[in-house]
């Protein structure tokens, strides 16, 4: 049996925050605003997994109204989502993640992002695709960063 899920998330860029994407700190004068570490890429990925499993979304699982998630490491939250995925008898087939950002340029950070996610899943890096694109000054236009994820899970 296979399941496919999609996820999407957006966070605003603000000063005095670290920029964390796929568990990797990216040097930038701005970071993402959010209740947790605001790792928009991991948030989209978790929503894709939870969607494939029909288990809701990260807002249901890790509500921003709960103080225990204030400043939370999104990679630790991902570990919990992976635990639930495996508990339901599934494993990652592959994931495809697109980060949408006008700035900073992300190409040189993508190998580390892929490694970080592959390590989290305990899978081969060939199962993990991370890409970055801009919106040519449209859409988010530098005010934030978005991410879209698609996962294929296998039982």
N, C-alpha and C. Protein backbone atom coordinates (compact mmCIF):
# COMPACT_ATOMS: atom_id res chain seq x y z
N UNK A 1 0.85 -1.18 0.00
CA UNK A 1 0.00 0.00 0.00
C UNK A 1 0.89 1.24 0.00
N UNK A 2 0.49 2.23 -0.76
CA UNK A 2 1.20 3.51 -0.73
C UNK A 2 0.22 4.61 -0.34
N UNK A 3 0.77 5.66 0.24
CA UNK A 3 0.01 6.86 0.57
C UNK A 3 0.82 8.06 0.09
N UNK A 4 0.14 9.07 -0.40
CA UNK A 4 0.78 10.30 -0.86
C UNK A 4 0.19 11.45 -0.06
N UNK A 5 1.04 12.37 0.38
CA UNK A 5 0.57 13.53 1.12
C UNK A 5 1.28 14.79 0.65
N UNK A 6 0.61 15.91 0.82
CA UNK A 6 1.21 17.20 0.48
C UNK A 6 1.15 18.11 1.70
N UNK A 7 2.07 19.04 1.77
CA UNK A 7 2.08 20.02 2.85
C UNK A 7 2.57 21.35 2.33
N UNK A 8 2.10 22.42 2.97
CA UNK A 8 2.48 23.77 2.58
C UNK A 8 2.52 24.63 3.82
N UNK A 9 3.52 25.50 3.91
CA UNK A 9 3.60 26.42 5.04
C UNK A 9 4.34 27.68 4.61
N UNK A 10 4.07 28.77 5.31
CA UNK A 10 4.71 30.06 5.06
C UNK A 10 4.97 30.73 6.39
N UNK A 11 6.13 31.36 6.52
CA UNK A 11 6.45 32.17 7.70
C UNK A 11 7.07 33.49 7.24
N UNK A 12 6.83 34.52 8.01
CA UNK A 12 7.35 35.86 7.73
C UNK A 12 8.80 35.97 8.20
N UNK A 13 9.64 36.66 7.41
CA UNK A 13 11.01 36.98 7.79
C UNK A 13 11.02 38.17 8.74
N UNK A 14 11.77 38.06 9.83
CA UNK A 14 11.87 39.13 10.82
C UNK A 14 13.30 39.20 11.35
N UNK A 15 13.69 40.35 11.91
CA UNK A 15 15.03 40.44 12.52
C UNK A 15 15.07 39.69 13.86
N UNK A 16 16.29 39.43 14.30
CA UNK A 16 16.55 38.84 15.62
C UNK A 16 16.01 37.43 15.78
N UNK A 17 15.98 36.68 14.68
CA UNK A 17 15.62 35.25 14.71
C UNK A 17 16.62 34.50 13.83
N UNK A 18 16.94 33.28 14.20
CA UNK A 18 17.77 32.44 13.35
C UNK A 18 16.93 31.92 12.19
N UNK A 19 17.59 31.69 11.06
CA UNK A 19 16.93 31.09 9.91
C UNK A 19 17.31 29.61 9.88
N UNK A 20 16.34 28.77 10.19
CA UNK A 20 16.53 27.32 10.21
C UNK A 20 15.67 26.72 9.11
N UNK A 21 16.28 25.94 8.23
CA UNK A 21 15.56 25.25 7.15
C UNK A 21 16.05 23.81 7.08
N UNK A 22 15.15 22.88 7.20
CA UNK A 22 15.47 21.44 7.19
C UNK A 22 16.46 21.10 8.30
N UNK A 23 16.37 21.82 9.41
CA UNK A 23 17.25 21.57 10.54
C UNK A 23 18.63 22.18 10.39
N UNK A 24 18.86 22.94 9.34
CA UNK A 24 20.16 23.55 9.06
C UNK A 24 20.06 25.06 9.29
N UNK A 25 20.99 25.61 10.07
CA UNK A 25 21.01 27.06 10.26
C UNK A 25 21.65 27.70 9.03
N UNK A 26 20.90 28.60 8.39
CA UNK A 26 21.35 29.29 7.19
C UNK A 26 21.73 30.72 7.58
N UNK A 27 22.97 31.14 7.31
CA UNK A 27 23.37 32.50 7.66
C UNK A 27 22.50 33.53 6.94
N UNK A 28 21.89 34.42 7.73
CA UNK A 28 21.01 35.45 7.17
C UNK A 28 20.76 36.48 8.26
N UNK A 29 20.57 37.73 7.87
CA UNK A 29 20.28 38.79 8.85
C UNK A 29 18.85 38.70 9.38
N UNK A 30 18.02 37.89 8.74
CA UNK A 30 16.64 37.70 9.16
C UNK A 30 16.37 36.22 9.41
N UNK A 31 15.39 35.97 10.24
CA UNK A 31 14.95 34.60 10.48
C UNK A 31 13.44 34.54 10.34
N UNK A 32 12.89 33.38 10.60
CA UNK A 32 11.45 33.20 10.41
C UNK A 32 10.71 33.32 11.73
N UNK A 33 9.60 34.02 11.68
CA UNK A 33 8.75 34.23 12.85
C UNK A 33 7.84 33.04 13.04
N UNK A 34 7.79 32.55 14.26
CA UNK A 34 6.91 31.43 14.56
C UNK A 34 6.98 31.05 16.02
N UNK A 35 6.04 30.24 16.46
CA UNK A 35 5.99 29.79 17.85
C UNK A 35 7.16 28.88 18.18
N UNK A 36 7.52 28.01 17.23
CA UNK A 36 8.66 27.11 17.40
C UNK A 36 9.88 27.79 16.78
N UNK A 37 10.82 27.00 16.28
CA UNK A 37 11.96 27.59 15.57
C UNK A 37 11.57 28.05 14.17
N UNK A 38 10.31 27.82 13.78
CA UNK A 38 9.72 28.28 12.52
C UNK A 38 10.40 27.70 11.27
N UNK A 39 10.87 26.46 11.37
CA UNK A 39 11.48 25.78 10.22
C UNK A 39 10.36 25.44 9.23
N UNK A 40 10.09 26.37 8.34
CA UNK A 40 8.97 26.27 7.42
C UNK A 40 9.04 25.02 6.55
N UNK A 41 10.25 24.60 6.18
CA UNK A 41 10.41 23.43 5.33
C UNK A 41 10.00 22.15 6.08
N UNK A 42 10.45 22.03 7.32
CA UNK A 42 10.08 20.85 8.12
C UNK A 42 8.60 20.88 8.45
N UNK A 43 8.03 22.07 8.66
CA UNK A 43 6.60 22.16 8.93
C UNK A 43 5.78 21.64 7.75
N UNK A 44 6.16 22.04 6.54
CA UNK A 44 5.46 21.55 5.34
C UNK A 44 5.62 20.04 5.21
N UNK A 45 6.82 19.55 5.50
CA UNK A 45 7.08 18.12 5.42
C UNK A 45 6.24 17.34 6.43
N UNK A 46 6.16 17.82 7.67
CA UNK A 46 5.35 17.14 8.67
C UNK A 46 3.88 17.12 8.26
N UNK A 47 3.39 18.22 7.72
CA UNK A 47 2.00 18.25 7.26
C UNK A 47 1.77 17.26 6.12
N UNK A 48 2.76 17.10 5.25
CA UNK A 48 2.63 16.13 4.16
C UNK A 48 2.53 14.71 4.70
N UNK A 49 3.36 14.38 5.68
CA UNK A 49 3.33 13.04 6.27
C UNK A 49 2.01 12.81 6.98
N UNK A 50 1.63 13.77 7.81
CA UNK A 50 0.37 13.63 8.55
C UNK A 50 -0.83 13.55 7.61
N UNK A 51 -0.78 14.30 6.52
CA UNK A 51 -1.85 14.24 5.53
C UNK A 51 -1.93 12.88 4.86
N UNK A 52 -0.78 12.31 4.51
CA UNK A 52 -0.76 10.99 3.89
C UNK A 52 -1.36 9.94 4.82
N UNK A 53 -1.19 10.14 6.12
CA UNK A 53 -1.68 9.19 7.11
C UNK A 53 -3.08 9.53 7.62
N UNK A 54 -3.67 10.63 7.11
CA UNK A 54 -4.98 11.11 7.57
C UNK A 54 -4.98 11.34 9.08
N UNK A 55 -3.89 11.95 9.59
CA UNK A 55 -3.75 12.23 11.01
C UNK A 55 -3.81 13.73 11.32
N UNK A 56 -4.40 14.50 10.44
CA UNK A 56 -4.53 15.93 10.70
C UNK A 56 -3.32 16.71 10.22
N UNK A 57 -2.92 17.70 11.03
CA UNK A 57 -1.79 18.54 10.66
C UNK A 57 -1.00 18.91 11.91
N UNK A 58 0.08 19.67 11.72
CA UNK A 58 0.93 19.99 12.88
C UNK A 58 0.23 20.92 13.87
N UNK A 59 -0.71 21.72 13.41
CA UNK A 59 -1.46 22.57 14.33
C UNK A 59 -2.28 21.75 15.31
N UNK A 60 -2.75 20.61 14.86
CA UNK A 60 -3.51 19.71 15.72
C UNK A 60 -2.57 18.97 16.68
N UNK A 61 -1.45 18.50 16.15
CA UNK A 61 -0.51 17.70 16.93
C UNK A 61 0.34 18.54 17.87
N UNK A 62 0.79 19.71 17.40
CA UNK A 62 1.68 20.59 18.18
C UNK A 62 1.09 22.01 18.19
N UNK A 63 -0.02 22.25 18.88
CA UNK A 63 -0.69 23.55 18.81
C UNK A 63 0.19 24.70 19.33
N UNK A 64 0.11 25.83 18.62
CA UNK A 64 0.91 26.99 19.05
C UNK A 64 0.35 27.64 20.32
N UNK A 65 -0.78 27.17 20.77
CA UNK A 65 -1.34 27.63 22.04
C UNK A 65 -0.72 26.90 23.23
N UNK A 66 0.06 25.85 22.96
CA UNK A 66 0.69 25.05 24.01
C UNK A 66 2.09 25.57 24.27
N UNK A 67 2.36 26.09 25.48
CA UNK A 67 3.67 26.67 25.77
C UNK A 67 4.83 25.69 25.65
N UNK A 68 4.58 24.39 25.71
CA UNK A 68 5.69 23.43 25.61
C UNK A 68 6.34 23.46 24.23
N UNK A 69 5.66 24.02 23.23
CA UNK A 69 6.23 24.08 21.89
C UNK A 69 6.87 25.44 21.57
N UNK A 70 6.88 26.35 22.52
CA UNK A 70 7.51 27.66 22.33
C UNK A 70 9.01 27.45 22.09
N UNK A 71 9.48 27.88 20.93
CA UNK A 71 10.89 27.74 20.58
C UNK A 71 11.31 26.32 20.26
N UNK A 72 10.36 25.41 20.07
CA UNK A 72 10.67 23.99 19.85
C UNK A 72 11.53 23.78 18.61
N UNK A 73 12.40 22.79 18.70
CA UNK A 73 13.23 22.35 17.58
C UNK A 73 12.34 21.53 16.65
N UNK A 74 12.10 22.02 15.46
CA UNK A 74 11.21 21.34 14.52
C UNK A 74 11.71 19.96 14.14
N UNK A 75 13.01 19.73 14.18
CA UNK A 75 13.53 18.39 13.88
C UNK A 75 13.10 17.39 14.96
N UNK A 76 12.96 17.84 16.20
CA UNK A 76 12.46 16.96 17.26
C UNK A 76 10.97 16.68 17.06
N UNK A 77 10.24 17.68 16.58
CA UNK A 77 8.83 17.46 16.26
C UNK A 77 8.70 16.49 15.09
N UNK A 78 9.59 16.64 14.10
CA UNK A 78 9.60 15.71 12.96
C UNK A 78 9.85 14.28 13.44
N UNK A 79 10.74 14.12 14.42
CA UNK A 79 11.02 12.78 14.95
C UNK A 79 9.74 12.15 15.51
N UNK A 80 8.90 12.96 16.15
CA UNK A 80 7.63 12.45 16.67
C UNK A 80 6.69 12.06 15.53
N UNK A 81 6.65 12.86 14.48
CA UNK A 81 5.80 12.54 13.32
C UNK A 81 6.30 11.25 12.65
N UNK A 82 7.62 11.10 12.54
CA UNK A 82 8.18 9.87 11.96
C UNK A 82 7.83 8.67 12.83
N UNK A 83 7.89 8.84 14.15
CA UNK A 83 7.53 7.76 15.07
C UNK A 83 6.08 7.33 14.81
N UNK A 84 5.19 8.29 14.63
CA UNK A 84 3.78 7.97 14.35
C UNK A 84 3.62 7.30 13.00
N UNK A 85 4.38 7.77 12.02
CA UNK A 85 4.35 7.16 10.68
C UNK A 85 4.76 5.70 10.77
N UNK A 86 5.87 5.44 11.45
CA UNK A 86 6.36 4.07 11.59
C UNK A 86 5.40 3.23 12.44
N UNK A 87 4.81 3.84 13.46
CA UNK A 87 3.83 3.14 14.29
C UNK A 87 2.61 2.70 13.51
N UNK A 88 2.30 3.45 12.44
CA UNK A 88 1.18 3.09 11.57
C UNK A 88 1.60 2.08 10.50
N UNK A 89 2.87 1.66 10.56
CA UNK A 89 3.36 0.63 9.63
C UNK A 89 3.90 1.17 8.32
N UNK A 90 4.19 2.46 8.25
CA UNK A 90 4.68 3.05 7.00
C UNK A 90 6.15 3.45 7.11
N UNK A 91 6.77 3.55 5.95
CA UNK A 91 8.13 4.07 5.85
C UNK A 91 8.16 5.03 4.66
N UNK A 92 9.15 5.89 4.65
CA UNK A 92 9.28 6.86 3.57
C UNK A 92 9.68 6.16 2.28
N UNK A 93 8.93 6.41 1.22
CA UNK A 93 9.34 6.01 -0.12
C UNK A 93 10.27 7.08 -0.67
N UNK A 94 9.75 8.30 -0.72
CA UNK A 94 10.57 9.46 -1.07
C UNK A 94 9.85 10.73 -0.66
N UNK A 95 10.61 11.82 -0.61
CA UNK A 95 10.03 13.13 -0.34
C UNK A 95 10.60 14.13 -1.33
N UNK A 96 9.78 15.10 -1.68
CA UNK A 96 10.19 16.17 -2.58
C UNK A 96 9.74 17.47 -1.94
N UNK A 97 10.70 18.31 -1.61
CA UNK A 97 10.46 19.54 -0.87
C UNK A 97 10.96 20.73 -1.68
N UNK A 98 10.11 21.72 -1.85
CA UNK A 98 10.50 22.96 -2.54
C UNK A 98 10.40 24.11 -1.56
N UNK A 99 11.50 24.84 -1.41
CA UNK A 99 11.53 26.04 -0.56
C UNK A 99 11.40 27.24 -1.48
N UNK A 100 10.49 28.14 -1.13
CA UNK A 100 10.21 29.32 -1.96
C UNK A 100 10.72 30.54 -1.21
N UNK A 101 11.78 31.16 -1.73
CA UNK A 101 12.40 32.29 -1.03
C UNK A 101 13.08 33.23 -2.02
N UNK A 102 12.85 34.51 -1.84
CA UNK A 102 13.59 35.50 -2.62
C UNK A 102 15.01 35.66 -2.08
N UNK A 103 15.13 35.51 -0.77
CA UNK A 103 16.43 35.61 -0.10
C UNK A 103 16.39 34.82 1.17
N UNK A 104 17.50 34.34 1.64
CA UNK A 104 18.82 34.33 0.99
C UNK A 104 18.88 33.25 -0.09
N UNK A 105 19.96 33.26 -0.85
CA UNK A 105 20.18 32.21 -1.84
C UNK A 105 20.48 30.92 -1.09
N UNK A 106 19.86 29.84 -1.49
CA UNK A 106 19.92 28.59 -0.72
C UNK A 106 20.70 27.46 -1.37
N UNK A 107 21.10 27.59 -2.62
CA UNK A 107 21.70 26.48 -3.37
C UNK A 107 22.84 25.80 -2.62
N UNK A 108 23.73 26.55 -2.02
CA UNK A 108 24.89 25.92 -1.37
C UNK A 108 24.53 25.21 -0.07
N UNK A 109 23.33 25.45 0.46
CA UNK A 109 22.90 24.82 1.72
C UNK A 109 22.06 23.56 1.48
N UNK A 110 21.65 23.34 0.25
CA UNK A 110 20.77 22.21 -0.05
C UNK A 110 21.40 20.85 0.26
N UNK A 111 22.68 20.60 -0.04
CA UNK A 111 23.24 19.30 0.33
C UNK A 111 23.13 19.01 1.84
N UNK A 112 23.39 20.00 2.68
CA UNK A 112 23.28 19.81 4.13
C UNK A 112 21.83 19.57 4.53
N UNK A 113 20.90 20.24 3.87
CA UNK A 113 19.48 20.04 4.16
C UNK A 113 19.05 18.62 3.81
N UNK A 114 19.49 18.13 2.67
CA UNK A 114 19.16 16.75 2.27
C UNK A 114 19.74 15.75 3.26
N UNK A 115 20.98 15.97 3.67
CA UNK A 115 21.62 15.08 4.65
C UNK A 115 20.87 15.09 5.97
N UNK A 116 20.46 16.27 6.42
CA UNK A 116 19.73 16.40 7.68
C UNK A 116 18.43 15.61 7.64
N UNK A 117 17.68 15.73 6.57
CA UNK A 117 16.41 15.02 6.45
C UNK A 117 16.61 13.52 6.29
N UNK A 118 17.60 13.11 5.50
CA UNK A 118 17.88 11.69 5.33
C UNK A 118 18.24 11.06 6.68
N UNK A 119 19.02 11.77 7.48
CA UNK A 119 19.39 11.27 8.81
C UNK A 119 18.15 11.13 9.69
N UNK A 120 17.24 12.10 9.62
CA UNK A 120 16.03 12.05 10.44
C UNK A 120 15.18 10.83 10.11
N UNK A 121 15.12 10.47 8.84
CA UNK A 121 14.32 9.32 8.41
C UNK A 121 15.11 8.02 8.45
N UNK A 122 16.43 8.11 8.60
CA UNK A 122 17.25 6.91 8.54
C UNK A 122 17.18 6.27 7.17
N UNK A 123 17.13 7.12 6.13
CA UNK A 123 16.99 6.61 4.77
C UNK A 123 18.16 7.06 3.91
N UNK A 124 18.23 6.53 2.71
CA UNK A 124 19.25 6.92 1.76
C UNK A 124 18.95 8.33 1.25
N UNK A 125 20.00 9.10 1.05
CA UNK A 125 19.83 10.48 0.59
C UNK A 125 19.13 10.55 -0.77
N UNK A 126 19.19 9.47 -1.54
CA UNK A 126 18.51 9.46 -2.85
C UNK A 126 17.00 9.51 -2.72
N UNK A 127 16.47 9.30 -1.51
CA UNK A 127 15.03 9.37 -1.28
C UNK A 127 14.57 10.78 -0.89
N UNK A 128 15.53 11.71 -0.80
CA UNK A 128 15.25 13.06 -0.29
C UNK A 128 15.62 14.09 -1.35
N UNK A 129 14.62 14.82 -1.83
CA UNK A 129 14.85 15.91 -2.78
C UNK A 129 14.50 17.23 -2.10
N UNK A 130 15.44 18.17 -2.15
CA UNK A 130 15.20 19.53 -1.66
C UNK A 130 15.60 20.48 -2.78
N UNK A 131 14.69 21.38 -3.11
CA UNK A 131 14.93 22.37 -4.16
C UNK A 131 14.59 23.75 -3.62
N UNK A 132 15.11 24.77 -4.25
CA UNK A 132 14.74 26.14 -3.88
C UNK A 132 14.40 26.91 -5.14
N UNK A 133 13.45 27.82 -5.00
CA UNK A 133 13.06 28.67 -6.12
C UNK A 133 12.67 30.03 -5.57
N UNK A 134 12.58 30.98 -6.46
CA UNK A 134 12.05 32.30 -6.10
C UNK A 134 10.69 32.43 -6.75
N UNK A 135 10.04 33.55 -6.48
CA UNK A 135 8.79 33.85 -7.17
C UNK A 135 8.96 35.09 -8.04
N UNK A 136 10.22 35.32 -8.45
CA UNK A 136 10.52 36.41 -9.36
C UNK A 136 9.96 37.75 -8.88
N UNK A 137 10.01 37.97 -7.56
CA UNK A 137 9.51 39.23 -7.01
C UNK A 137 8.02 39.27 -6.81
N UNK A 138 7.32 38.21 -7.12
CA UNK A 138 5.88 38.13 -6.94
C UNK A 138 5.58 37.34 -5.67
N UNK A 139 4.36 37.24 -5.28
CA UNK A 139 4.00 36.40 -4.14
C UNK A 139 4.65 36.84 -2.85
N UNK A 140 5.44 35.95 -2.25
CA UNK A 140 6.09 36.26 -0.98
C UNK A 140 7.01 37.47 -1.10
N UNK A 141 7.64 37.63 -2.26
CA UNK A 141 8.45 38.81 -2.60
C UNK A 141 9.39 39.26 -1.50
N UNK A 142 10.01 38.33 -0.82
CA UNK A 142 11.01 38.71 0.17
C UNK A 142 10.46 38.93 1.56
N UNK A 143 9.15 38.97 1.74
CA UNK A 143 8.57 39.20 3.06
C UNK A 143 8.57 37.93 3.90
N UNK A 144 8.78 36.80 3.25
CA UNK A 144 8.75 35.53 3.98
C UNK A 144 9.35 34.42 3.17
N UNK A 145 9.23 33.23 3.72
CA UNK A 145 9.70 32.02 3.04
C UNK A 145 8.58 30.99 3.14
N UNK A 146 8.33 30.31 2.05
CA UNK A 146 7.33 29.26 2.02
C UNK A 146 7.97 27.94 1.66
N UNK A 147 7.24 26.88 1.87
CA UNK A 147 7.72 25.55 1.49
C UNK A 147 6.53 24.68 1.13
N UNK A 148 6.76 23.82 0.16
CA UNK A 148 5.76 22.85 -0.25
C UNK A 148 6.44 21.49 -0.27
N UNK A 149 5.76 20.50 0.29
CA UNK A 149 6.33 19.15 0.36
C UNK A 149 5.33 18.13 -0.17
N UNK A 150 5.88 17.10 -0.80
CA UNK A 150 5.11 15.95 -1.23
C UNK A 150 5.87 14.71 -0.74
N UNK A 151 5.14 13.78 -0.15
CA UNK A 151 5.77 12.54 0.32
C UNK A 151 5.02 11.34 -0.24
N UNK A 152 5.76 10.28 -0.47
CA UNK A 152 5.19 8.99 -0.78
C UNK A 152 5.60 8.05 0.35
N UNK A 153 4.60 7.47 0.99
CA UNK A 153 4.85 6.53 2.08
C UNK A 153 4.46 5.14 1.62
N UNK A 154 5.23 4.15 2.06
CA UNK A 154 4.99 2.76 1.69
C UNK A 154 4.75 1.92 2.92
N UNK A 155 3.85 0.96 2.79
CA UNK A 155 3.58 0.03 3.89
C UNK A 155 4.19 -1.31 3.57
